[in-house]
Amino acid sequence: MSEGARQVVEQFNEIVKPEGGSVTLLSDEGGILRVRYVPGVNEECAECIMEPDALGAMMKDMVVTLDPSITVVEVEA
């Protein structure tokens, strides 16, 4: 398991945790980081909950700087 992938998943999990969400690392193989994303709930600001596609794009931007071997982030919602 890539240390960079683990760090990114932990950081994004902390971002979504306040609304009751979670990001779980499923696998990191062949340049593909797979995560499970369970969105939280924010009744005052529904738009504040991150969409799975946005989460994946942001994770990819961050993970490529920590582990350039990862070129794809797949989000299972």
N, C-alpha and C. Protein backbone atom coordinates (compact mmCIF):
# COMPACT_ATOMS: atom_id res chain seq x y z
N MET A 1 0.85 -1.18 0.00
CA MET A 1 0.00 0.00 0.00
C MET A 1 0.89 1.24 0.00
N SER A 2 0.60 2.13 -0.88
CA SER A 2 1.36 3.36 -1.01
C SER A 2 1.13 4.27 0.19
N GLU A 3 2.20 4.80 0.73
CA GLU A 3 2.09 5.75 1.85
C GLU A 3 1.36 7.01 1.40
N GLY A 4 1.63 7.47 0.17
CA GLY A 4 0.95 8.65 -0.36
C GLY A 4 -0.55 8.42 -0.47
N ALA A 5 -0.96 7.25 -0.95
CA ALA A 5 -2.38 6.94 -1.06
C ALA A 5 -3.03 6.91 0.32
N ARG A 6 -2.37 6.31 1.27
CA ARG A 6 -2.90 6.22 2.63
C ARG A 6 -3.08 7.62 3.21
N GLN A 7 -2.10 8.50 3.02
CA GLN A 7 -2.17 9.86 3.55
C GLN A 7 -3.34 10.63 2.94
N VAL A 8 -3.51 10.51 1.63
CA VAL A 8 -4.58 11.24 0.96
C VAL A 8 -5.94 10.76 1.44
N VAL A 9 -6.11 9.46 1.57
CA VAL A 9 -7.39 8.93 2.04
C VAL A 9 -7.67 9.42 3.46
N GLU A 10 -6.66 9.41 4.32
CA GLU A 10 -6.84 9.89 5.69
C GLU A 10 -7.23 11.37 5.71
N GLN A 11 -6.57 12.18 4.88
CA GLN A 11 -6.87 13.61 4.85
C GLN A 11 -8.29 13.88 4.37
N PHE A 12 -8.73 13.18 3.32
CA PHE A 12 -10.08 13.39 2.82
C PHE A 12 -11.12 12.83 3.78
N ASN A 13 -10.79 11.78 4.48
CA ASN A 13 -11.71 11.25 5.48
C ASN A 13 -11.95 12.31 6.56
N GLU A 14 -10.90 13.01 6.96
CA GLU A 14 -11.04 14.06 7.97
C GLU A 14 -11.88 15.23 7.44
N ILE A 15 -11.80 15.50 6.14
CA ILE A 15 -12.58 16.58 5.53
C ILE A 15 -14.07 16.27 5.56
N VAL A 16 -14.45 15.03 5.25
CA VAL A 16 -15.87 14.69 5.15
C VAL A 16 -16.47 14.20 6.48
N LYS A 17 -15.63 13.91 7.44
CA LYS A 17 -16.11 13.38 8.73
C LYS A 17 -17.05 14.31 9.49
N PRO A 18 -16.83 15.64 9.50
CA PRO A 18 -17.73 16.52 10.27
C PRO A 18 -19.20 16.40 9.88
N GLU A 19 -19.50 16.09 8.62
CA GLU A 19 -20.88 15.92 8.19
C GLU A 19 -21.35 14.47 8.31
N GLY A 20 -20.51 13.61 8.88
CA GLY A 20 -20.88 12.21 9.03
C GLY A 20 -20.47 11.34 7.87
N GLY A 21 -19.64 11.86 6.97
CA GLY A 21 -19.18 11.09 5.82
C GLY A 21 -17.93 10.29 6.14
N SER A 22 -17.54 9.45 5.17
CA SER A 22 -16.30 8.68 5.34
C SER A 22 -15.70 8.34 3.99
N VAL A 23 -14.38 8.22 3.98
CA VAL A 23 -13.63 7.76 2.81
C VAL A 23 -12.79 6.60 3.29
N THR A 24 -12.93 5.46 2.62
CA THR A 24 -12.22 4.25 3.00
C THR A 24 -11.37 3.76 1.84
N LEU A 25 -10.12 3.44 2.11
CA LEU A 25 -9.23 2.90 1.09
C LEU A 25 -9.60 1.46 0.80
N LEU A 26 -9.90 1.16 -0.46
CA LEU A 26 -10.23 -0.21 -0.86
C LEU A 26 -9.01 -0.92 -1.43
N SER A 27 -8.30 -0.25 -2.35
CA SER A 27 -7.09 -0.85 -2.92
C SER A 27 -6.24 0.21 -3.60
N ASP A 28 -5.01 -0.16 -3.82
CA ASP A 28 -4.03 0.69 -4.49
C ASP A 28 -3.15 -0.25 -5.31
N GLU A 29 -3.60 -0.53 -6.53
CA GLU A 29 -2.89 -1.49 -7.37
C GLU A 29 -2.84 -0.99 -8.81
N GLY A 30 -1.74 -1.22 -9.48
CA GLY A 30 -1.63 -0.92 -10.89
C GLY A 30 -1.88 0.52 -11.26
N GLY A 31 -1.52 1.44 -10.37
CA GLY A 31 -1.71 2.85 -10.65
C GLY A 31 -3.13 3.35 -10.42
N ILE A 32 -3.97 2.49 -9.83
CA ILE A 32 -5.37 2.87 -9.58
C ILE A 32 -5.63 2.85 -8.08
N LEU A 33 -6.06 3.98 -7.57
CA LEU A 33 -6.47 4.10 -6.17
C LEU A 33 -7.99 3.97 -6.14
N ARG A 34 -8.48 2.97 -5.39
CA ARG A 34 -9.93 2.76 -5.27
C ARG A 34 -10.35 3.08 -3.84
N VAL A 35 -11.38 3.91 -3.73
CA VAL A 35 -11.89 4.29 -2.41
C VAL A 35 -13.41 4.14 -2.38
N ARG A 36 -13.93 3.95 -1.18
CA ARG A 36 -15.38 3.97 -0.96
C ARG A 36 -15.69 5.29 -0.27
N TYR A 37 -16.68 6.01 -0.81
CA TYR A 37 -17.08 7.29 -0.26
C TYR A 37 -18.54 7.22 0.18
N VAL A 38 -18.75 7.50 1.45
CA VAL A 38 -20.11 7.59 1.99
C VAL A 38 -20.30 9.06 2.36
N PRO A 39 -21.10 9.80 1.57
CA PRO A 39 -21.31 11.21 1.86
C PRO A 39 -22.05 11.42 3.17
N GLY A 40 -21.76 12.51 3.81
CA GLY A 40 -22.46 12.86 5.03
C GLY A 40 -23.71 13.65 4.72
N VAL A 41 -24.25 14.30 5.73
CA VAL A 41 -25.47 15.08 5.59
C VAL A 41 -25.25 16.45 6.22
N ASN A 42 -25.64 17.48 5.50
CA ASN A 42 -25.61 18.83 6.04
C ASN A 42 -26.93 19.49 5.66
N GLU A 43 -27.90 19.45 6.58
CA GLU A 43 -29.24 19.96 6.29
C GLU A 43 -29.26 21.45 6.01
N GLU A 44 -28.31 22.20 6.54
CA GLU A 44 -28.26 23.64 6.32
C GLU A 44 -27.63 24.01 5.00
N CYS A 45 -26.81 23.11 4.45
CA CYS A 45 -26.10 23.41 3.20
C CYS A 45 -25.89 22.12 2.41
N ALA A 46 -26.93 21.69 1.71
CA ALA A 46 -26.84 20.44 0.93
C ALA A 46 -25.74 20.52 -0.13
N GLU A 47 -25.49 21.73 -0.67
CA GLU A 47 -24.45 21.90 -1.69
C GLU A 47 -23.04 21.74 -1.10
N CYS A 48 -22.93 21.79 0.21
CA CYS A 48 -21.63 21.68 0.87
C CYS A 48 -21.12 20.24 0.90
N ILE A 49 -21.99 19.28 0.64
CA ILE A 49 -21.58 17.88 0.63
C ILE A 49 -20.91 17.60 -0.71
N MET A 50 -19.71 17.06 -0.65
CA MET A 50 -18.91 16.81 -1.84
C MET A 50 -19.50 15.68 -2.68
N GLU A 51 -19.63 15.92 -3.98
CA GLU A 51 -20.08 14.89 -4.91
C GLU A 51 -18.95 13.89 -5.13
N PRO A 52 -19.27 12.62 -5.41
CA PRO A 52 -18.23 11.61 -5.63
C PRO A 52 -17.23 11.99 -6.72
N ASP A 53 -17.70 12.55 -7.84
CA ASP A 53 -16.78 12.93 -8.92
C ASP A 53 -15.82 14.02 -8.49
N ALA A 54 -16.32 14.99 -7.73
CA ALA A 54 -15.46 16.07 -7.24
C ALA A 54 -14.44 15.53 -6.25
N LEU A 55 -14.88 14.63 -5.39
CA LEU A 55 -13.95 14.01 -4.43
C LEU A 55 -12.84 13.29 -5.17
N GLY A 56 -13.19 12.49 -6.17
CA GLY A 56 -12.20 11.75 -6.94
C GLY A 56 -11.20 12.65 -7.62
N ALA A 57 -11.69 13.74 -8.22
CA ALA A 57 -10.80 14.68 -8.92
C ALA A 57 -9.84 15.36 -7.94
N MET A 58 -10.37 15.76 -6.79
CA MET A 58 -9.51 16.42 -5.80
C MET A 58 -8.49 15.43 -5.23
N MET A 59 -8.91 14.20 -5.00
CA MET A 59 -7.98 13.19 -4.48
C MET A 59 -6.88 12.92 -5.51
N LYS A 60 -7.24 12.84 -6.78
CA LYS A 60 -6.25 12.58 -7.83
C LYS A 60 -5.22 13.70 -7.87
N ASP A 61 -5.69 14.95 -7.80
CA ASP A 61 -4.77 16.09 -7.82
C ASP A 61 -3.76 16.00 -6.68
N MET A 62 -4.22 15.57 -5.52
CA MET A 62 -3.33 15.50 -4.36
C MET A 62 -2.43 14.26 -4.40
N VAL A 63 -2.99 13.13 -4.77
CA VAL A 63 -2.21 11.89 -4.69
C VAL A 63 -1.08 11.84 -5.71
N VAL A 64 -1.25 12.45 -6.88
CA VAL A 64 -0.18 12.40 -7.88
C VAL A 64 1.07 13.14 -7.41
N THR A 65 0.91 14.10 -6.51
CA THR A 65 2.09 14.78 -5.98
C THR A 65 2.81 13.92 -4.94
N LEU A 66 2.06 13.07 -4.24
CA LEU A 66 2.66 12.21 -3.22
C LEU A 66 3.10 10.87 -3.77
N ASP A 67 2.42 10.38 -4.80
CA ASP A 67 2.75 9.09 -5.41
C ASP A 67 2.44 9.16 -6.90
N PRO A 68 3.42 9.58 -7.72
CA PRO A 68 3.18 9.74 -9.16
C PRO A 68 2.81 8.45 -9.88
N SER A 69 2.99 7.29 -9.24
CA SER A 69 2.61 6.04 -9.89
C SER A 69 1.09 5.87 -9.94
N ILE A 70 0.37 6.61 -9.13
CA ILE A 70 -1.09 6.55 -9.14
C ILE A 70 -1.61 7.55 -10.15
N THR A 71 -2.30 7.06 -11.17
CA THR A 71 -2.78 7.93 -12.24
C THR A 71 -4.30 8.00 -12.32
N VAL A 72 -4.98 7.12 -11.58
CA VAL A 72 -6.44 7.06 -11.61
C VAL A 72 -6.97 6.92 -10.18
N VAL A 73 -8.04 7.66 -9.89
CA VAL A 73 -8.74 7.49 -8.61
C VAL A 73 -10.17 7.08 -8.95
N GLU A 74 -10.59 5.92 -8.45
CA GLU A 74 -11.95 5.43 -8.66
C GLU A 74 -12.69 5.54 -7.33
N VAL A 75 -13.86 6.16 -7.38
CA VAL A 75 -14.67 6.37 -6.18
C VAL A 75 -15.92 5.52 -6.27
N GLU A 76 -16.08 4.63 -5.31
CA GLU A 76 -17.31 3.83 -5.18
C GLU A 76 -18.20 4.53 -4.17
N ALA A 77 -19.37 4.93 -4.62
CA ALA A 77 -20.26 5.67 -3.70
C ALA A 77 -21.41 4.78 -3.26
